[in-house]
Amino acid sequence: MGEGERFVLATTNPNKAREIREIFFAEGIGVELLARPAHVPDIEETEETLLGNALLKARTLVGATGMACIAEDTGIEVEALGGAPGVRSARYAGEPADDEANVDKVLAELAHLEDPDRRRARFVTVAVACWPDGRELVAEGTVEGRVAPRRLGAGGFGYDPVFVPDEGDGRTFGEMAAASPEAKHALSHRGRALRALAEALLSAS
């Protein structure tokens, strides 16, 4: 990876794009991260795994732009729901994708479970880098925790306000992100996956 190499970001989610930029900057990765061009249509995430969707998005962008691309896919897996929402996390409550509705659905499905040990969950992110010459790098990050009984914290996005990581201090990712995005990145699934991808990019240079 050369200093100043350019990558297109597959995501159109401004929150995800911001986190990717923040994490790469904190790791001192000297690459230019470009927004997905407006002419590239939405990509239907049809794969059955996070890795499949991440690669689908990255390969599509490489084909559409002729540039290297970074993509990721993230899911929350709740034990009491048999691992759901999982790969369907972004659209758990149906189309169009709606973070509030997704969180409402999970909270409603777990409402009868008051014991924190029965609300176990984990976040998983798979991040990939793909190049026009066919090279591909894959990294994964996970964090164990539980689903809180209600939203706590105004920071973050998605399921962050209801996810309490085991390695934290009892706050949700939503509370952590509101106080310090860096604190969330240090523990989060996305932070771990992107740091691992950054290390792989440096090793590949």
N, C-alpha and C. Protein backbone atom coordinates (compact mmCIF):
# COMPACT_ATOMS: atom_id res chain seq x y z
N MET A 1 0.85 -1.20 0.00
CA MET A 1 0.00 0.00 0.00
C MET A 1 0.87 1.23 0.00
N GLY A 2 0.73 2.05 -1.00
CA GLY A 2 1.53 3.25 -1.06
C GLY A 2 0.89 4.38 -0.26
N GLU A 3 1.74 5.26 0.28
CA GLU A 3 1.24 6.43 0.99
C GLU A 3 0.39 7.26 0.04
N GLY A 4 -0.79 7.65 0.48
CA GLY A 4 -1.67 8.44 -0.36
C GLY A 4 -2.50 7.64 -1.33
N GLU A 5 -2.47 6.31 -1.24
CA GLU A 5 -3.32 5.49 -2.11
C GLU A 5 -4.78 5.85 -1.90
N ARG A 6 -5.55 5.77 -2.97
CA ARG A 6 -6.94 6.19 -2.90
C ARG A 6 -7.86 4.98 -2.89
N PHE A 7 -8.86 5.04 -2.01
CA PHE A 7 -9.89 4.01 -1.91
C PHE A 7 -11.26 4.68 -1.95
N VAL A 8 -12.18 4.08 -2.68
CA VAL A 8 -13.58 4.50 -2.63
C VAL A 8 -14.24 3.75 -1.48
N LEU A 9 -15.05 4.44 -0.70
CA LEU A 9 -15.83 3.80 0.34
C LEU A 9 -17.15 3.31 -0.25
N ALA A 10 -17.47 2.04 -0.01
CA ALA A 10 -18.70 1.49 -0.57
C ALA A 10 -19.94 2.02 0.13
N THR A 11 -19.81 2.37 1.40
CA THR A 11 -20.99 2.76 2.17
C THR A 11 -21.51 4.13 1.76
N THR A 12 -22.83 4.27 1.81
CA THR A 12 -23.45 5.58 1.67
C THR A 12 -23.99 6.07 3.01
N ASN A 13 -23.74 5.29 4.06
CA ASN A 13 -24.16 5.66 5.41
C ASN A 13 -23.16 6.67 5.97
N PRO A 14 -23.56 7.93 6.19
CA PRO A 14 -22.60 8.93 6.64
C PRO A 14 -21.98 8.61 7.99
N ASN A 15 -22.72 7.92 8.85
CA ASN A 15 -22.17 7.56 10.16
C ASN A 15 -21.04 6.54 10.01
N LYS A 16 -21.26 5.53 9.17
CA LYS A 16 -20.21 4.54 8.93
C LYS A 16 -19.00 5.18 8.27
N ALA A 17 -19.23 6.03 7.27
CA ALA A 17 -18.13 6.68 6.58
C ALA A 17 -17.31 7.52 7.56
N ARG A 18 -17.99 8.23 8.45
CA ARG A 18 -17.28 9.04 9.44
C ARG A 18 -16.43 8.17 10.35
N GLU A 19 -16.99 7.05 10.83
CA GLU A 19 -16.23 6.17 11.71
C GLU A 19 -15.02 5.58 11.00
N ILE A 20 -15.18 5.18 9.75
CA ILE A 20 -14.05 4.62 9.01
C ILE A 20 -12.94 5.66 8.91
N ARG A 21 -13.29 6.89 8.58
CA ARG A 21 -12.28 7.95 8.48
C ARG A 21 -11.62 8.23 9.82
N GLU A 22 -12.41 8.27 10.89
CA GLU A 22 -11.86 8.54 12.22
C GLU A 22 -10.88 7.45 12.64
N ILE A 23 -11.23 6.21 12.40
CA ILE A 23 -10.39 5.09 12.83
C ILE A 23 -9.11 5.04 12.01
N PHE A 24 -9.20 5.23 10.71
CA PHE A 24 -8.00 5.22 9.87
C PHE A 24 -7.08 6.38 10.25
N PHE A 25 -7.66 7.54 10.51
CA PHE A 25 -6.85 8.70 10.91
C PHE A 25 -6.13 8.41 12.22
N ALA A 26 -6.85 7.84 13.19
CA ALA A 26 -6.25 7.54 14.48
C ALA A 26 -5.12 6.53 14.36
N GLU A 27 -5.22 5.62 13.38
CA GLU A 27 -4.18 4.61 13.17
C GLU A 27 -3.04 5.13 12.30
N GLY A 28 -3.15 6.36 11.82
CA GLY A 28 -2.09 6.93 11.00
C GLY A 28 -1.98 6.32 9.62
N ILE A 29 -3.11 5.85 9.09
CA ILE A 29 -3.11 5.24 7.76
C ILE A 29 -3.24 6.35 6.72
N GLY A 30 -2.17 6.56 5.98
CA GLY A 30 -2.12 7.68 5.04
C GLY A 30 -2.73 7.37 3.70
N VAL A 31 -4.03 7.08 3.68
CA VAL A 31 -4.74 6.83 2.42
C VAL A 31 -5.83 7.88 2.27
N GLU A 32 -6.24 8.07 1.03
CA GLU A 32 -7.34 8.99 0.75
C GLU A 32 -8.62 8.19 0.59
N LEU A 33 -9.62 8.51 1.38
CA LEU A 33 -10.89 7.79 1.36
C LEU A 33 -11.93 8.66 0.66
N LEU A 34 -12.42 8.18 -0.46
CA LEU A 34 -13.34 8.95 -1.28
C LEU A 34 -14.77 8.46 -1.09
N ALA A 35 -15.70 9.38 -1.17
CA ALA A 35 -17.11 9.02 -1.08
C ALA A 35 -17.53 8.23 -2.32
N ARG A 36 -18.50 7.36 -2.14
CA ARG A 36 -19.02 6.60 -3.28
C ARG A 36 -19.63 7.54 -4.30
N PRO A 37 -19.26 7.41 -5.58
CA PRO A 37 -19.80 8.31 -6.60
C PRO A 37 -21.31 8.22 -6.69
N ALA A 38 -21.94 9.34 -6.98
CA ALA A 38 -23.40 9.40 -7.02
C ALA A 38 -23.97 8.54 -8.14
N HIS A 39 -23.19 8.30 -9.19
CA HIS A 39 -23.73 7.54 -10.32
C HIS A 39 -23.82 6.04 -10.05
N VAL A 40 -23.20 5.58 -8.96
CA VAL A 40 -23.24 4.15 -8.63
C VAL A 40 -24.55 3.87 -7.90
N PRO A 41 -25.40 3.01 -8.45
CA PRO A 41 -26.71 2.76 -7.83
C PRO A 41 -26.57 1.98 -6.52
N ASP A 42 -27.66 1.95 -5.75
CA ASP A 42 -27.68 1.16 -4.52
C ASP A 42 -27.39 -0.30 -4.84
N ILE A 43 -26.71 -0.94 -3.93
CA ILE A 43 -26.34 -2.35 -4.10
C ILE A 43 -27.23 -3.19 -3.21
N GLU A 44 -27.97 -4.10 -3.80
CA GLU A 44 -28.84 -4.97 -3.02
C GLU A 44 -27.99 -6.02 -2.33
N GLU A 45 -28.05 -6.06 -1.00
CA GLU A 45 -27.21 -6.98 -0.22
C GLU A 45 -27.91 -8.34 -0.14
N THR A 46 -27.59 -9.18 -1.10
CA THR A 46 -28.30 -10.45 -1.27
C THR A 46 -27.58 -11.65 -0.69
N GLU A 47 -26.37 -11.46 -0.19
CA GLU A 47 -25.60 -12.59 0.33
C GLU A 47 -26.11 -13.01 1.70
N GLU A 48 -25.75 -14.24 2.10
CA GLU A 48 -26.22 -14.81 3.36
C GLU A 48 -25.25 -14.62 4.51
N THR A 49 -24.10 -13.99 4.25
CA THR A 49 -23.11 -13.75 5.29
C THR A 49 -22.63 -12.31 5.23
N LEU A 50 -22.06 -11.83 6.34
CA LEU A 50 -21.48 -10.50 6.36
C LEU A 50 -20.32 -10.41 5.38
N LEU A 51 -19.48 -11.44 5.33
CA LEU A 51 -18.36 -11.45 4.39
C LEU A 51 -18.87 -11.37 2.96
N GLY A 52 -19.89 -12.15 2.64
CA GLY A 52 -20.43 -12.14 1.30
C GLY A 52 -20.92 -10.77 0.89
N ASN A 53 -21.64 -10.09 1.79
CA ASN A 53 -22.15 -8.76 1.47
C ASN A 53 -21.02 -7.73 1.35
N ALA A 54 -20.03 -7.82 2.24
CA ALA A 54 -18.91 -6.87 2.16
C ALA A 54 -18.17 -7.03 0.83
N LEU A 55 -17.90 -8.27 0.43
CA LEU A 55 -17.22 -8.49 -0.84
C LEU A 55 -18.08 -8.08 -2.02
N LEU A 56 -19.38 -8.35 -1.95
CA LEU A 56 -20.29 -7.95 -3.02
C LEU A 56 -20.23 -6.44 -3.23
N LYS A 57 -20.29 -5.69 -2.15
CA LYS A 57 -20.26 -4.23 -2.25
C LYS A 57 -18.92 -3.74 -2.79
N ALA A 58 -17.83 -4.28 -2.27
CA ALA A 58 -16.50 -3.83 -2.70
C ALA A 58 -16.26 -4.17 -4.17
N ARG A 59 -16.56 -5.38 -4.56
CA ARG A 59 -16.33 -5.78 -5.96
C ARG A 59 -17.19 -4.98 -6.92
N THR A 60 -18.43 -4.68 -6.52
CA THR A 60 -19.29 -3.86 -7.36
C THR A 60 -18.71 -2.48 -7.56
N LEU A 61 -18.22 -1.87 -6.49
CA LEU A 61 -17.64 -0.54 -6.60
C LEU A 61 -16.36 -0.55 -7.42
N VAL A 62 -15.54 -1.57 -7.26
CA VAL A 62 -14.32 -1.68 -8.07
C VAL A 62 -14.70 -1.73 -9.55
N GLY A 63 -15.70 -2.55 -9.87
CA GLY A 63 -16.13 -2.65 -11.26
C GLY A 63 -16.72 -1.37 -11.81
N ALA A 64 -17.41 -0.61 -10.95
CA ALA A 64 -18.08 0.60 -11.40
C ALA A 64 -17.14 1.79 -11.52
N THR A 65 -16.06 1.78 -10.72
CA THR A 65 -15.17 2.95 -10.67
C THR A 65 -13.77 2.69 -11.22
N GLY A 66 -13.37 1.42 -11.27
CA GLY A 66 -12.00 1.12 -11.66
C GLY A 66 -10.99 1.47 -10.60
N MET A 67 -11.46 1.70 -9.38
CA MET A 67 -10.59 2.08 -8.27
C MET A 67 -10.65 1.04 -7.16
N ALA A 68 -9.64 1.06 -6.30
CA ALA A 68 -9.66 0.21 -5.11
C ALA A 68 -10.80 0.66 -4.20
N CYS A 69 -11.34 -0.27 -3.42
CA CYS A 69 -12.51 0.03 -2.60
C CYS A 69 -12.38 -0.61 -1.22
N ILE A 70 -12.93 0.06 -0.24
CA ILE A 70 -13.07 -0.48 1.12
C ILE A 70 -14.56 -0.58 1.43
N ALA A 71 -14.95 -1.75 1.91
CA ALA A 71 -16.36 -1.99 2.26
C ALA A 71 -16.42 -2.75 3.56
N GLU A 72 -17.56 -2.70 4.20
CA GLU A 72 -17.77 -3.48 5.41
C GLU A 72 -19.23 -3.86 5.53
N ASP A 73 -19.48 -4.89 6.32
CA ASP A 73 -20.86 -5.23 6.67
C ASP A 73 -20.87 -5.61 8.14
N THR A 74 -21.92 -5.20 8.81
CA THR A 74 -21.99 -5.35 10.27
C THR A 74 -23.32 -5.96 10.67
N GLY A 75 -23.30 -6.79 11.70
CA GLY A 75 -24.53 -7.34 12.23
C GLY A 75 -24.45 -7.53 13.73
N ILE A 76 -25.60 -7.50 14.37
CA ILE A 76 -25.70 -7.83 15.78
C ILE A 76 -26.39 -9.19 15.89
N GLU A 77 -25.81 -10.08 16.68
CA GLU A 77 -26.33 -11.43 16.84
C GLU A 77 -26.80 -11.61 18.28
N VAL A 78 -28.09 -11.80 18.46
CA VAL A 78 -28.69 -11.92 19.80
C VAL A 78 -28.96 -13.39 20.08
N GLU A 79 -28.39 -13.91 21.17
CA GLU A 79 -28.51 -15.33 21.46
C GLU A 79 -29.96 -15.78 21.58
N ALA A 80 -30.77 -15.01 22.32
CA ALA A 80 -32.16 -15.40 22.55
C ALA A 80 -32.99 -15.39 21.28
N LEU A 81 -32.48 -14.75 20.23
CA LEU A 81 -33.19 -14.70 18.94
C LEU A 81 -32.55 -15.64 17.94
N GLY A 82 -31.76 -16.59 18.44
CA GLY A 82 -31.14 -17.57 17.56
C GLY A 82 -30.09 -16.99 16.64
N GLY A 83 -29.46 -15.89 17.06
CA GLY A 83 -28.45 -15.23 16.24
C GLY A 83 -28.97 -14.11 15.37
N ALA A 84 -30.28 -13.91 15.36
CA ALA A 84 -30.87 -12.77 14.62
C ALA A 84 -30.58 -11.48 15.39
N PRO A 85 -30.63 -10.34 14.72
CA PRO A 85 -30.86 -10.12 13.29
C PRO A 85 -29.71 -10.57 12.38
N GLY A 86 -28.46 -10.62 12.89
CA GLY A 86 -27.35 -11.08 12.09
C GLY A 86 -27.16 -10.29 10.82
N VAL A 87 -27.04 -11.02 9.71
CA VAL A 87 -26.78 -10.37 8.42
C VAL A 87 -27.93 -9.46 7.99
N ARG A 88 -29.10 -9.62 8.61
CA ARG A 88 -30.26 -8.78 8.27
C ARG A 88 -30.40 -7.58 9.21
N SER A 89 -29.40 -7.27 9.98
CA SER A 89 -29.51 -6.24 11.02
C SER A 89 -29.99 -4.89 10.50
N ALA A 90 -29.49 -4.47 9.36
CA ALA A 90 -29.83 -3.13 8.85
C ALA A 90 -31.28 -3.04 8.39
N ARG A 91 -31.89 -4.19 8.09
CA ARG A 91 -33.26 -4.19 7.58
C ARG A 91 -34.15 -5.14 8.37
N TYR A 92 -33.86 -5.29 9.64
CA TYR A 92 -34.57 -6.26 10.47
C TYR A 92 -36.07 -5.98 10.54
N ALA A 93 -36.43 -4.72 10.57
CA ALA A 93 -37.84 -4.34 10.67
C ALA A 93 -38.48 -4.17 9.30
N GLY A 94 -37.74 -4.49 8.23
CA GLY A 94 -38.28 -4.38 6.88
C GLY A 94 -37.72 -3.19 6.13
N GLU A 95 -38.16 -3.05 4.89
CA GLU A 95 -37.74 -1.95 4.03
C GLU A 95 -38.73 -0.78 4.13
N PRO A 96 -38.25 0.45 3.98
CA PRO A 96 -36.85 0.84 3.87
C PRO A 96 -36.13 0.70 5.20
N ALA A 97 -34.80 0.61 5.15
CA ALA A 97 -34.01 0.44 6.37
C ALA A 97 -34.26 1.61 7.33
N ASP A 98 -34.43 1.29 8.61
CA ASP A 98 -34.77 2.29 9.61
C ASP A 98 -34.19 1.86 10.94
N ASP A 99 -33.17 2.59 11.42
CA ASP A 99 -32.51 2.23 12.68
C ASP A 99 -33.49 2.18 13.84
N GLU A 100 -34.36 3.18 13.94
CA GLU A 100 -35.29 3.25 15.06
C GLU A 100 -36.22 2.03 15.08
N ALA A 101 -36.74 1.68 13.92
CA ALA A 101 -37.65 0.54 13.84
C ALA A 101 -36.93 -0.76 14.14
N ASN A 102 -35.69 -0.89 13.69
CA ASN A 102 -34.92 -2.10 13.97
C ASN A 102 -34.70 -2.29 15.46
N VAL A 103 -34.31 -1.21 16.13
CA VAL A 103 -34.08 -1.28 17.58
C VAL A 103 -35.38 -1.58 18.31
N ASP A 104 -36.46 -0.92 17.89
CA ASP A 104 -37.76 -1.17 18.52
C ASP A 104 -38.13 -2.65 18.43
N LYS A 105 -37.88 -3.26 17.29
CA LYS A 105 -38.25 -4.66 17.09
C LYS A 105 -37.44 -5.57 18.02
N VAL A 106 -36.14 -5.34 18.12
CA VAL A 106 -35.31 -6.16 19.02
C VAL A 106 -35.74 -5.98 20.47
N LEU A 107 -35.97 -4.74 20.88
CA LEU A 107 -36.39 -4.49 22.26
C LEU A 107 -37.73 -5.18 22.56
N ALA A 108 -38.64 -5.13 21.62
CA ALA A 108 -39.94 -5.77 21.82
C ALA A 108 -39.79 -7.29 21.93
N GLU A 109 -38.94 -7.86 21.13
CA GLU A 109 -38.76 -9.31 21.14
C GLU A 109 -38.05 -9.80 22.40
N LEU A 110 -37.32 -8.92 23.06
CA LEU A 110 -36.60 -9.29 24.29
C LEU A 110 -37.30 -8.76 25.54
N ALA A 111 -38.43 -8.13 25.40
CA ALA A 111 -39.08 -7.45 26.53
C ALA A 111 -39.39 -8.40 27.67
N HIS A 112 -39.63 -9.67 27.37
CA HIS A 112 -39.98 -10.63 28.42
C HIS A 112 -38.76 -11.19 29.13
N LEU A 113 -37.57 -10.81 28.71
CA LEU A 113 -36.33 -11.32 29.30
C LEU A 113 -35.68 -10.22 30.13
N GLU A 114 -35.83 -10.30 31.44
CA GLU A 114 -35.27 -9.27 32.30
C GLU A 114 -33.85 -9.59 32.76
N ASP A 115 -33.51 -10.88 32.84
CA ASP A 115 -32.18 -11.29 33.27
C ASP A 115 -31.15 -10.89 32.21
N PRO A 116 -30.14 -10.06 32.58
CA PRO A 116 -29.13 -9.66 31.59
C PRO A 116 -28.43 -10.85 30.92
N ASP A 117 -28.28 -11.94 31.65
CA ASP A 117 -27.62 -13.11 31.07
C ASP A 117 -28.43 -13.74 29.94
N ARG A 118 -29.71 -13.41 29.88
CA ARG A 118 -30.55 -13.94 28.81
C ARG A 118 -30.68 -12.96 27.64
N ARG A 119 -29.95 -11.85 27.75
CA ARG A 119 -29.97 -10.83 26.70
C ARG A 119 -28.59 -10.72 26.04
N ARG A 120 -27.85 -11.83 26.06
CA ARG A 120 -26.51 -11.85 25.49
C ARG A 120 -26.54 -11.57 23.98
N ALA A 121 -25.52 -10.86 23.52
CA ALA A 121 -25.42 -10.53 22.09
C ALA A 121 -23.97 -10.23 21.75
N ARG A 122 -23.70 -10.20 20.48
CA ARG A 122 -22.39 -9.76 20.04
C ARG A 122 -22.53 -9.01 18.72
N PHE A 123 -21.65 -8.06 18.54
CA PHE A 123 -21.55 -7.31 17.30
C PHE A 123 -20.41 -7.90 16.47
N VAL A 124 -20.60 -7.99 15.17
CA VAL A 124 -19.58 -8.49 14.26
C VAL A 124 -19.48 -7.55 13.06
N THR A 125 -18.25 -7.18 12.70
CA THR A 125 -18.00 -6.43 11.48
C THR A 125 -16.98 -7.18 10.64
N VAL A 126 -17.25 -7.29 9.36
CA VAL A 126 -16.28 -7.79 8.40
C VAL A 126 -15.93 -6.64 7.47
N ALA A 127 -14.64 -6.31 7.38
CA ALA A 127 -14.16 -5.23 6.53
C ALA A 127 -13.25 -5.81 5.45
N VAL A 128 -13.37 -5.28 4.25
CA VAL A 128 -12.57 -5.79 3.13
C VAL A 128 -12.00 -4.62 2.33
N ALA A 129 -10.88 -4.89 1.69
CA ALA A 129 -10.30 -3.99 0.70
C ALA A 129 -10.12 -4.79 -0.58
N CYS A 130 -10.55 -4.23 -1.70
CA CYS A 130 -10.45 -4.91 -3.00
C CYS A 130 -9.83 -3.95 -4.02
N TRP A 131 -9.03 -4.51 -4.91
CA TRP A 131 -8.36 -3.73 -5.94
C TRP A 131 -8.78 -4.20 -7.34
N PRO A 132 -8.62 -3.34 -8.34
CA PRO A 132 -8.97 -3.74 -9.71
C PRO A 132 -8.18 -4.93 -10.24
N ASP A 133 -6.98 -5.18 -9.68
CA ASP A 133 -6.18 -6.31 -10.16
C ASP A 133 -6.58 -7.63 -9.49
N GLY A 134 -7.62 -7.60 -8.67
CA GLY A 134 -8.12 -8.83 -8.06
C GLY A 134 -7.64 -9.10 -6.65
N ARG A 135 -6.71 -8.29 -6.15
CA ARG A 135 -6.26 -8.49 -4.77
C ARG A 135 -7.39 -8.17 -3.80
N GLU A 136 -7.44 -8.91 -2.71
CA GLU A 136 -8.46 -8.69 -1.69
C GLU A 136 -7.88 -8.95 -0.30
N LEU A 137 -8.24 -8.12 0.64
CA LEU A 137 -7.88 -8.30 2.05
C LEU A 137 -9.17 -8.35 2.86
N VAL A 138 -9.19 -9.22 3.87
CA VAL A 138 -10.37 -9.38 4.71
C VAL A 138 -9.97 -9.31 6.18
N ALA A 139 -10.75 -8.60 6.98
CA ALA A 139 -10.51 -8.52 8.43
C ALA A 139 -11.85 -8.57 9.15
N GLU A 140 -11.83 -9.07 10.38
CA GLU A 140 -13.07 -9.19 11.16
C GLU A 140 -12.85 -8.65 12.57
N GLY A 141 -13.88 -8.05 13.12
CA GLY A 141 -13.85 -7.59 14.49
C GLY A 141 -15.13 -7.97 15.20
N THR A 142 -15.02 -8.43 16.44
CA THR A 142 -16.20 -8.80 17.22
C THR A 142 -16.11 -8.20 18.62
N VAL A 143 -17.26 -8.01 19.24
CA VAL A 143 -17.31 -7.58 20.63
C VAL A 143 -18.53 -8.24 21.27
N GLU A 144 -18.32 -8.82 22.44
CA GLU A 144 -19.38 -9.48 23.18
C GLU A 144 -20.06 -8.50 24.13
N GLY A 145 -21.33 -8.74 24.39
CA GLY A 145 -22.04 -7.87 25.31
C GLY A 145 -23.47 -8.33 25.53
N ARG A 146 -24.34 -7.37 25.77
CA ARG A 146 -25.76 -7.68 26.00
C ARG A 146 -26.61 -6.53 25.50
N VAL A 147 -27.88 -6.82 25.31
CA VAL A 147 -28.83 -5.79 24.88
C VAL A 147 -29.48 -5.18 26.11
N ALA A 148 -29.37 -3.87 26.24
CA ALA A 148 -29.99 -3.15 27.35
C ALA A 148 -31.52 -3.17 27.19
N PRO A 149 -32.27 -2.99 28.29
CA PRO A 149 -33.73 -3.01 28.19
C PRO A 149 -34.33 -1.78 27.54
N ARG A 150 -33.53 -0.72 27.39
CA ARG A 150 -34.03 0.50 26.75
C ARG A 150 -32.83 1.26 26.18
N ARG A 151 -33.14 2.24 25.34
CA ARG A 151 -32.09 3.06 24.75
C ARG A 151 -31.42 3.91 25.81
N LEU A 152 -30.10 3.99 25.72
CA LEU A 152 -29.33 4.83 26.63
C LEU A 152 -28.21 5.50 25.82
N GLY A 153 -28.18 6.83 25.83
CA GLY A 153 -27.14 7.55 25.13
C GLY A 153 -27.58 8.04 23.77
N ALA A 154 -27.15 9.26 23.45
CA ALA A 154 -27.56 9.91 22.20
C ALA A 154 -26.50 9.79 21.12
N GLY A 155 -25.40 9.11 21.39
CA GLY A 155 -24.34 8.99 20.40
C GLY A 155 -24.46 7.72 19.59
N GLY A 156 -23.55 7.60 18.62
CA GLY A 156 -23.53 6.41 17.79
C GLY A 156 -24.73 6.34 16.86
N PHE A 157 -25.02 5.13 16.38
CA PHE A 157 -26.13 4.93 15.44
C PHE A 157 -26.48 3.46 15.45
N GLY A 158 -27.52 3.11 14.72
CA GLY A 158 -27.92 1.71 14.67
C GLY A 158 -28.32 1.20 16.04
N TYR A 159 -27.74 0.06 16.43
CA TYR A 159 -28.06 -0.57 17.71
C TYR A 159 -27.18 -0.06 18.86
N ASP A 160 -26.35 0.94 18.61
CA ASP A 160 -25.42 1.43 19.65
C ASP A 160 -26.12 1.81 20.96
N PRO A 161 -27.30 2.46 20.94
CA PRO A 161 -27.91 2.87 22.19
C PRO A 161 -28.42 1.73 23.06
N VAL A 162 -28.45 0.50 22.53
CA VAL A 162 -28.95 -0.62 23.35
C VAL A 162 -27.90 -1.72 23.52
N PHE A 163 -26.66 -1.48 23.08
CA PHE A 163 -25.64 -2.52 23.22
C PHE A 163 -24.64 -2.12 24.30
N VAL A 164 -24.49 -3.00 25.32
CA VAL A 164 -23.56 -2.78 26.42
C VAL A 164 -22.40 -3.76 26.25
N PRO A 165 -21.20 -3.29 25.90
CA PRO A 165 -20.07 -4.21 25.71
C PRO A 165 -19.54 -4.74 27.04
N ASP A 166 -19.16 -6.00 27.07
CA ASP A 166 -18.62 -6.60 28.29
C ASP A 166 -17.36 -5.90 28.78
N GLU A 167 -16.55 -5.45 27.85
CA GLU A 167 -15.25 -4.87 28.21
C GLU A 167 -15.33 -3.40 28.59
N GLY A 168 -16.52 -2.85 28.59
CA GLY A 168 -16.68 -1.44 28.94
C GLY A 168 -16.93 -1.24 30.42
N ASP A 169 -17.54 -0.12 30.74
CA ASP A 169 -17.79 0.27 32.13
C ASP A 169 -19.27 0.27 32.46
N GLY A 170 -20.05 -0.47 31.68
CA GLY A 170 -21.48 -0.54 31.92
C GLY A 170 -22.31 0.38 31.05
N ARG A 171 -21.66 1.24 30.29
CA ARG A 171 -22.38 2.13 29.39
C ARG A 171 -22.66 1.44 28.06
N THR A 172 -23.70 1.90 27.39
CA THR A 172 -23.95 1.44 26.03
C THR A 172 -22.96 2.13 25.08
N PHE A 173 -22.86 1.59 23.86
CA PHE A 173 -22.06 2.26 22.85
C PHE A 173 -22.62 3.65 22.57
N GLY A 174 -23.93 3.81 22.69
CA GLY A 174 -24.54 5.11 22.49
C GLY A 174 -24.06 6.13 23.50
N GLU A 175 -23.95 5.71 24.75
CA GLU A 175 -23.44 6.61 25.80
C GLU A 175 -21.96 6.88 25.60
N MET A 176 -21.21 5.85 25.25
CA MET A 176 -19.77 6.02 25.05
C MET A 176 -19.49 6.97 23.88
N ALA A 177 -20.22 6.78 22.78
CA ALA A 177 -19.99 7.61 21.60
C ALA A 177 -20.35 9.06 21.86
N ALA A 178 -21.37 9.29 22.68
CA ALA A 178 -21.76 10.66 23.00
C ALA A 178 -20.69 11.38 23.79
N ALA A 179 -20.00 10.65 24.67
CA ALA A 179 -18.97 11.25 25.50
C ALA A 179 -17.63 11.33 24.78
N SER A 180 -17.30 10.27 24.03
CA SER A 180 -16.00 10.21 23.35
C SER A 180 -16.05 9.15 22.26
N PRO A 181 -16.14 9.56 20.99
CA PRO A 181 -16.14 8.57 19.91
C PRO A 181 -14.94 7.65 19.97
N GLU A 182 -13.80 8.19 20.41
CA GLU A 182 -12.59 7.37 20.49
C GLU A 182 -12.75 6.23 21.48
N ALA A 183 -13.49 6.46 22.57
CA ALA A 183 -13.72 5.40 23.55
C ALA A 183 -14.53 4.27 22.95
N LYS A 184 -15.52 4.62 22.14
CA LYS A 184 -16.29 3.58 21.47
C LYS A 184 -15.43 2.84 20.46
N HIS A 185 -14.67 3.58 19.64
CA HIS A 185 -13.83 2.95 18.62
C HIS A 185 -12.85 1.96 19.23
N ALA A 186 -12.36 2.26 20.43
CA ALA A 186 -11.35 1.40 21.06
C ALA A 186 -11.90 0.01 21.35
N LEU A 187 -13.21 -0.09 21.60
CA LEU A 187 -13.81 -1.37 21.96
C LEU A 187 -14.66 -1.97 20.85
N SER A 188 -15.09 -1.15 19.92
CA SER A 188 -16.15 -1.59 19.01
C SER A 188 -15.69 -2.61 17.99
N HIS A 189 -16.65 -3.36 17.51
CA HIS A 189 -16.47 -4.32 16.42
C HIS A 189 -15.90 -3.66 15.18
N ARG A 190 -16.46 -2.49 14.83
CA ARG A 190 -15.99 -1.80 13.62
C ARG A 190 -14.56 -1.30 13.82
N GLY A 191 -14.28 -0.77 15.00
CA GLY A 191 -12.92 -0.33 15.28
C GLY A 191 -11.93 -1.47 15.18
N ARG A 192 -12.28 -2.62 15.72
CA ARG A 192 -11.38 -3.77 15.67
C ARG A 192 -11.18 -4.28 14.25
N ALA A 193 -12.26 -4.35 13.50
CA ALA A 193 -12.14 -4.83 12.12
C ALA A 193 -11.31 -3.87 11.27
N LEU A 194 -11.53 -2.56 11.42
CA LEU A 194 -10.81 -1.60 10.60
C LEU A 194 -9.35 -1.47 11.02
N ARG A 195 -9.06 -1.62 12.32
CA ARG A 195 -7.66 -1.62 12.72
C ARG A 195 -6.93 -2.84 12.16
N ALA A 196 -7.62 -3.99 12.18
CA ALA A 196 -7.03 -5.19 11.60
C ALA A 196 -6.83 -5.02 10.09
N LEU A 197 -7.79 -4.38 9.42
CA LEU A 197 -7.64 -4.14 7.99
C LEU A 197 -6.49 -3.16 7.74
N ALA A 198 -6.39 -2.14 8.57
CA ALA A 198 -5.29 -1.18 8.43
C ALA A 198 -3.94 -1.86 8.57
N GLU A 199 -3.81 -2.76 9.55
CA GLU A 199 -2.56 -3.51 9.73
C GLU A 199 -2.26 -4.37 8.51
N ALA A 200 -3.31 -4.98 7.94
CA ALA A 200 -3.13 -5.80 6.74
C ALA A 200 -2.70 -4.95 5.56
N LEU A 201 -3.25 -3.75 5.45
CA LEU A 201 -2.87 -2.85 4.37
C LEU A 201 -1.40 -2.44 4.50
N LEU A 202 -0.98 -2.15 5.71
CA LEU A 202 0.41 -1.77 5.93
C LEU A 202 1.34 -2.93 5.63
N SER A 203 0.95 -4.14 6.02
CA SER A 203 1.78 -5.32 5.77
C SER A 203 1.88 -5.63 4.28
N ALA A 204 0.82 -5.25 3.53
CA ALA A 204 0.80 -5.52 2.11
C ALA A 204 1.59 -4.51 1.30
N SER A 205 2.04 -3.45 1.95
CA SER A 205 2.74 -2.39 1.22
C SER A 205 4.17 -2.80 0.90
